[in-house]
């Protein structure tokens, strides 16, 4: 009984780590789709570097691939915030 439980636990651990690359690849596909829909060229440019890096890392380390995808999402958000801030400053300057 005890050996059977250990075998089930070991099997569950092995199976739970198997789809890791699929997760990164699906996250990368979602990021690529979002970059493709983005209208602002600065935002696309900010994320493109990280998309290329994640594509390279899909063949290597799962954690590096995930890091590149996360950095891509973050770069898009930061570029969008910078554009919104610049537009807000320009609008405030125009009101004076």
N, C-alpha and C. Protein backbone atom coordinates (compact mmCIF):
# COMPACT_ATOMS: atom_id res chain seq x y z
N UNK A 1 0.83 -1.19 0.00
CA UNK A 1 0.00 0.00 0.00
C UNK A 1 0.87 1.25 0.00
N UNK A 2 1.89 1.29 0.86
CA UNK A 2 2.75 2.46 0.97
C UNK A 2 3.55 2.69 -0.32
N UNK A 3 4.02 1.59 -0.93
CA UNK A 3 4.77 1.71 -2.18
C UNK A 3 3.86 2.18 -3.30
N UNK A 4 2.61 1.75 -3.26
CA UNK A 4 1.65 2.16 -4.28
C UNK A 4 1.38 3.66 -4.20
N UNK A 5 1.26 4.18 -3.01
CA UNK A 5 1.03 5.62 -2.82
C UNK A 5 2.25 6.41 -3.30
N UNK A 6 3.44 5.93 -2.97
CA UNK A 6 4.65 6.60 -3.44
C UNK A 6 4.75 6.58 -4.95
N UNK A 7 4.36 5.48 -5.55
CA UNK A 7 4.37 5.37 -7.00
C UNK A 7 3.38 6.36 -7.63
N UNK A 8 2.20 6.48 -7.05
CA UNK A 8 1.21 7.43 -7.55
C UNK A 8 1.69 8.87 -7.41
N UNK A 9 2.31 9.19 -6.30
CA UNK A 9 2.83 10.54 -6.08
C UNK A 9 3.94 10.84 -7.08
N UNK A 10 4.84 9.89 -7.29
CA UNK A 10 5.92 10.10 -8.26
C UNK A 10 5.37 10.27 -9.67
N UNK A 11 4.38 9.48 -10.02
CA UNK A 11 3.75 9.58 -11.34
C UNK A 11 3.05 10.93 -11.50
N UNK A 12 2.38 11.38 -10.48
CA UNK A 12 1.70 12.68 -10.54
C UNK A 12 2.71 13.82 -10.69
N UNK A 13 3.84 13.72 -10.03
CA UNK A 13 4.87 14.75 -10.15
C UNK A 13 5.45 14.78 -11.56
N UNK A 14 5.67 13.63 -12.13
CA UNK A 14 6.23 13.56 -13.48
C UNK A 14 5.24 14.13 -14.49
N UNK A 15 3.98 13.77 -14.37
CA UNK A 15 2.97 14.24 -15.31
C UNK A 15 2.66 15.72 -15.15
N UNK A 16 2.79 16.24 -13.94
CA UNK A 16 2.49 17.65 -13.73
C UNK A 16 3.56 18.57 -14.31
N UNK A 17 4.77 18.08 -14.51
CA UNK A 17 5.82 18.91 -15.08
C UNK A 17 5.92 18.78 -16.60
N UNK A 18 5.23 17.85 -17.20
CA UNK A 18 5.35 17.62 -18.64
C UNK A 18 4.84 18.77 -19.51
N UNK A 19 3.71 19.41 -19.24
CA UNK A 19 3.20 20.42 -20.18
C UNK A 19 3.82 21.80 -20.03
N UNK A 20 4.96 21.91 -19.43
CA UNK A 20 5.56 23.22 -19.16
C UNK A 20 5.88 23.98 -20.45
N UNK A 21 6.44 23.31 -21.44
CA UNK A 21 6.77 24.01 -22.69
C UNK A 21 5.51 24.44 -23.42
N UNK A 22 4.47 23.64 -23.34
CA UNK A 22 3.22 24.03 -23.98
C UNK A 22 2.66 25.29 -23.35
N UNK A 23 2.84 25.44 -22.05
CA UNK A 23 2.37 26.64 -21.38
C UNK A 23 3.09 27.88 -21.88
N UNK A 24 4.39 27.81 -22.00
CA UNK A 24 5.16 28.95 -22.47
C UNK A 24 4.83 29.24 -23.93
N UNK A 25 4.68 28.19 -24.72
CA UNK A 25 4.35 28.39 -26.13
C UNK A 25 2.97 29.03 -26.28
N UNK A 26 2.01 28.64 -25.46
CA UNK A 26 0.68 29.25 -25.56
C UNK A 26 0.71 30.70 -25.08
N UNK A 27 1.50 30.98 -24.04
CA UNK A 27 1.66 32.36 -23.59
C UNK A 27 2.33 33.22 -24.65
N UNK A 28 3.32 32.64 -25.32
CA UNK A 28 4.01 33.34 -26.39
C UNK A 28 3.06 33.62 -27.56
N UNK A 29 2.21 32.64 -27.88
CA UNK A 29 1.24 32.84 -28.96
C UNK A 29 0.26 33.96 -28.62
N UNK A 30 -0.15 34.03 -27.36
CA UNK A 30 -1.05 35.11 -26.94
C UNK A 30 -0.36 36.47 -27.03
N UNK A 31 0.90 36.52 -26.63
CA UNK A 31 1.65 37.78 -26.71
C UNK A 31 1.84 38.20 -28.17
N UNK A 32 2.16 37.25 -29.04
CA UNK A 32 2.33 37.56 -30.46
C UNK A 32 1.04 38.11 -31.06
N UNK A 33 -0.08 37.49 -30.70
CA UNK A 33 -1.37 37.96 -31.21
C UNK A 33 -1.66 39.38 -30.73
N UNK A 34 -1.35 39.66 -29.49
CA UNK A 34 -1.60 41.00 -28.95
C UNK A 34 -0.69 42.03 -29.59
N UNK A 35 0.56 41.67 -29.82
CA UNK A 35 1.51 42.57 -30.49
C UNK A 35 1.03 42.85 -31.91
N UNK A 36 0.52 41.83 -32.58
CA UNK A 36 0.04 42.00 -33.96
C UNK A 36 -1.17 42.94 -34.02
N UNK A 37 -1.99 42.96 -32.98
CA UNK A 37 -3.17 43.82 -32.96
C UNK A 37 -2.84 45.25 -32.52
N UNK A 38 -1.68 45.44 -31.92
CA UNK A 38 -1.32 46.75 -31.38
C UNK A 38 -1.13 47.77 -32.49
N UNK A 39 -1.72 48.93 -32.34
CA UNK A 39 -1.63 49.98 -33.36
C UNK A 39 -0.42 50.88 -33.18
N UNK A 40 -0.01 51.08 -31.95
CA UNK A 40 1.09 51.99 -31.66
C UNK A 40 2.43 51.31 -32.00
N UNK A 41 3.19 51.88 -32.93
CA UNK A 41 4.46 51.24 -33.32
C UNK A 41 5.49 51.21 -32.19
N UNK A 42 5.45 52.17 -31.29
CA UNK A 42 6.38 52.15 -30.16
C UNK A 42 6.11 50.98 -29.22
N UNK A 43 4.84 50.69 -29.03
CA UNK A 43 4.47 49.56 -28.17
C UNK A 43 4.87 48.25 -28.84
N UNK A 44 4.62 48.13 -30.15
CA UNK A 44 5.03 46.92 -30.87
C UNK A 44 6.53 46.73 -30.81
N UNK A 45 7.26 47.81 -31.00
CA UNK A 45 8.73 47.74 -30.98
C UNK A 45 9.24 47.33 -29.60
N UNK A 46 8.60 47.84 -28.55
CA UNK A 46 9.02 47.52 -27.19
C UNK A 46 8.86 46.03 -26.89
N UNK A 47 7.82 45.42 -27.41
CA UNK A 47 7.56 44.01 -27.12
C UNK A 47 8.27 43.07 -28.09
N UNK A 48 8.60 43.54 -29.28
CA UNK A 48 9.16 42.66 -30.31
C UNK A 48 10.48 42.01 -29.88
N UNK A 49 11.31 42.77 -29.18
CA UNK A 49 12.59 42.23 -28.71
C UNK A 49 12.36 41.04 -27.79
N UNK A 50 11.39 41.14 -26.91
CA UNK A 50 11.12 40.07 -25.96
C UNK A 50 10.45 38.88 -26.63
N UNK A 51 9.65 39.15 -27.66
CA UNK A 51 9.02 38.05 -28.41
C UNK A 51 10.11 37.22 -29.10
N UNK A 52 11.06 37.90 -29.73
CA UNK A 52 12.16 37.17 -30.39
C UNK A 52 12.94 36.35 -29.38
N UNK A 53 13.20 36.92 -28.22
CA UNK A 53 13.95 36.21 -27.18
C UNK A 53 13.17 34.98 -26.70
N UNK A 54 11.88 35.14 -26.51
CA UNK A 54 11.06 34.01 -26.05
C UNK A 54 11.01 32.91 -27.11
N UNK A 55 10.98 33.29 -28.39
CA UNK A 55 11.00 32.28 -29.45
C UNK A 55 12.28 31.45 -29.41
N UNK A 56 13.38 32.11 -29.14
CA UNK A 56 14.65 31.39 -29.01
C UNK A 56 14.62 30.47 -27.80
N UNK A 57 14.08 30.94 -26.71
CA UNK A 57 14.09 30.17 -25.46
C UNK A 57 13.07 29.04 -25.43
N UNK A 58 12.14 28.98 -26.39
CA UNK A 58 11.20 27.85 -26.40
C UNK A 58 11.93 26.54 -26.62
N UNK A 59 13.08 26.62 -27.25
CA UNK A 59 13.88 25.40 -27.47
C UNK A 59 14.82 25.13 -26.29
N UNK A 60 14.90 26.05 -25.36
CA UNK A 60 15.82 25.90 -24.23
C UNK A 60 15.09 25.85 -22.91
N UNK A 61 15.37 26.83 -22.09
CA UNK A 61 14.88 26.86 -20.73
C UNK A 61 13.44 27.39 -20.64
N UNK A 62 12.60 26.66 -19.93
CA UNK A 62 11.22 27.08 -19.72
C UNK A 62 11.15 28.38 -18.92
N UNK A 63 11.98 28.49 -17.90
CA UNK A 63 11.94 29.70 -17.07
C UNK A 63 12.39 30.93 -17.86
N UNK A 64 13.40 30.77 -18.71
CA UNK A 64 13.85 31.91 -19.53
C UNK A 64 12.78 32.30 -20.55
N UNK A 65 12.09 31.32 -21.10
CA UNK A 65 11.00 31.60 -22.03
C UNK A 65 9.90 32.38 -21.32
N UNK A 66 9.52 31.92 -20.15
CA UNK A 66 8.48 32.61 -19.39
C UNK A 66 8.92 34.02 -19.00
N UNK A 67 10.19 34.17 -18.63
CA UNK A 67 10.70 35.50 -18.29
C UNK A 67 10.61 36.44 -19.49
N UNK A 68 10.96 35.95 -20.66
CA UNK A 68 10.91 36.79 -21.86
C UNK A 68 9.47 37.18 -22.19
N UNK A 69 8.54 36.25 -22.04
CA UNK A 69 7.13 36.56 -22.30
C UNK A 69 6.63 37.58 -21.29
N UNK A 70 6.97 37.40 -20.03
CA UNK A 70 6.55 38.34 -18.99
C UNK A 70 7.14 39.72 -19.25
N UNK A 71 8.40 39.76 -19.64
CA UNK A 71 9.03 41.05 -19.96
C UNK A 71 8.37 41.70 -21.17
N UNK A 72 7.93 40.89 -22.11
CA UNK A 72 7.22 41.42 -23.27
C UNK A 72 5.92 42.09 -22.89
N UNK A 73 5.14 41.42 -22.03
CA UNK A 73 3.88 42.03 -21.56
C UNK A 73 4.18 43.31 -20.78
N UNK A 74 5.20 43.26 -19.94
CA UNK A 74 5.55 44.44 -19.14
C UNK A 74 6.02 45.59 -20.03
N UNK A 75 6.82 45.27 -21.05
CA UNK A 75 7.31 46.31 -21.96
C UNK A 75 6.15 46.97 -22.70
N UNK A 76 5.17 46.18 -23.10
CA UNK A 76 4.00 46.75 -23.77
C UNK A 76 3.24 47.68 -22.83
N UNK A 77 3.06 47.25 -21.59
CA UNK A 77 2.33 48.09 -20.62
C UNK A 77 3.07 49.38 -20.34
N UNK A 78 4.38 49.29 -20.17
CA UNK A 78 5.17 50.49 -19.88
C UNK A 78 5.18 51.45 -21.06
N UNK A 79 5.28 50.92 -22.28
CA UNK A 79 5.26 51.78 -23.47
C UNK A 79 3.90 52.45 -23.62
N UNK A 80 2.84 51.72 -23.32
CA UNK A 80 1.49 52.29 -23.39
C UNK A 80 1.31 53.38 -22.35
N UNK A 81 1.82 53.15 -21.13
CA UNK A 81 1.74 54.16 -20.07
C UNK A 81 2.54 55.41 -20.45
N UNK A 82 3.71 55.22 -21.05
CA UNK A 82 4.53 56.36 -21.46
C UNK A 82 3.83 57.17 -22.54
N UNK A 83 3.18 56.49 -23.47
CA UNK A 83 2.45 57.19 -24.53
C UNK A 83 1.27 57.95 -23.96
N UNK A 84 0.57 57.34 -23.02
CA UNK A 84 -0.57 58.02 -22.39
C UNK A 84 -0.11 59.23 -21.59
N UNK A 85 1.00 59.09 -20.90
CA UNK A 85 1.55 60.20 -20.12
C UNK A 85 1.98 61.34 -21.03
N UNK A 86 2.61 61.02 -22.14
CA UNK A 86 3.03 62.05 -23.09
C UNK A 86 1.83 62.76 -23.69
N UNK A 87 0.78 62.01 -24.00
CA UNK A 87 -0.44 62.62 -24.55
C UNK A 87 -1.11 63.52 -23.52
N UNK A 88 -1.09 63.09 -22.28
CA UNK A 88 -1.69 63.89 -21.21
C UNK A 88 -0.91 65.18 -21.02
N UNK A 89 0.41 65.11 -21.06
CA UNK A 89 1.24 66.30 -20.92
C UNK A 89 1.02 67.25 -22.09
N UNK A 90 0.91 66.69 -23.29
CA UNK A 90 0.69 67.52 -24.48
C UNK A 90 -0.67 68.20 -24.42
N UNK A 91 -1.66 67.49 -23.92
CA UNK A 91 -3.00 68.08 -23.79
C UNK A 91 -3.01 69.17 -22.75
N UNK A 92 -2.30 68.96 -21.64
CA UNK A 92 -2.23 69.97 -20.59
C UNK A 92 -1.48 71.20 -21.08
N UNK A 93 -0.46 70.98 -21.88
CA UNK A 93 0.33 72.10 -22.42
C UNK A 93 -0.51 72.88 -23.44
N UNK A 94 -1.34 72.20 -24.18
CA UNK A 94 -2.20 72.86 -25.18
C UNK A 94 -3.32 73.67 -24.55
N UNK A 95 -3.73 73.33 -23.34
CA UNK A 95 -4.81 74.06 -22.66
C UNK A 95 -4.35 75.41 -22.12
N UNK A 96 -3.07 75.59 -21.96
CA UNK A 96 -2.57 76.83 -21.37
C UNK A 96 -2.66 77.97 -22.30
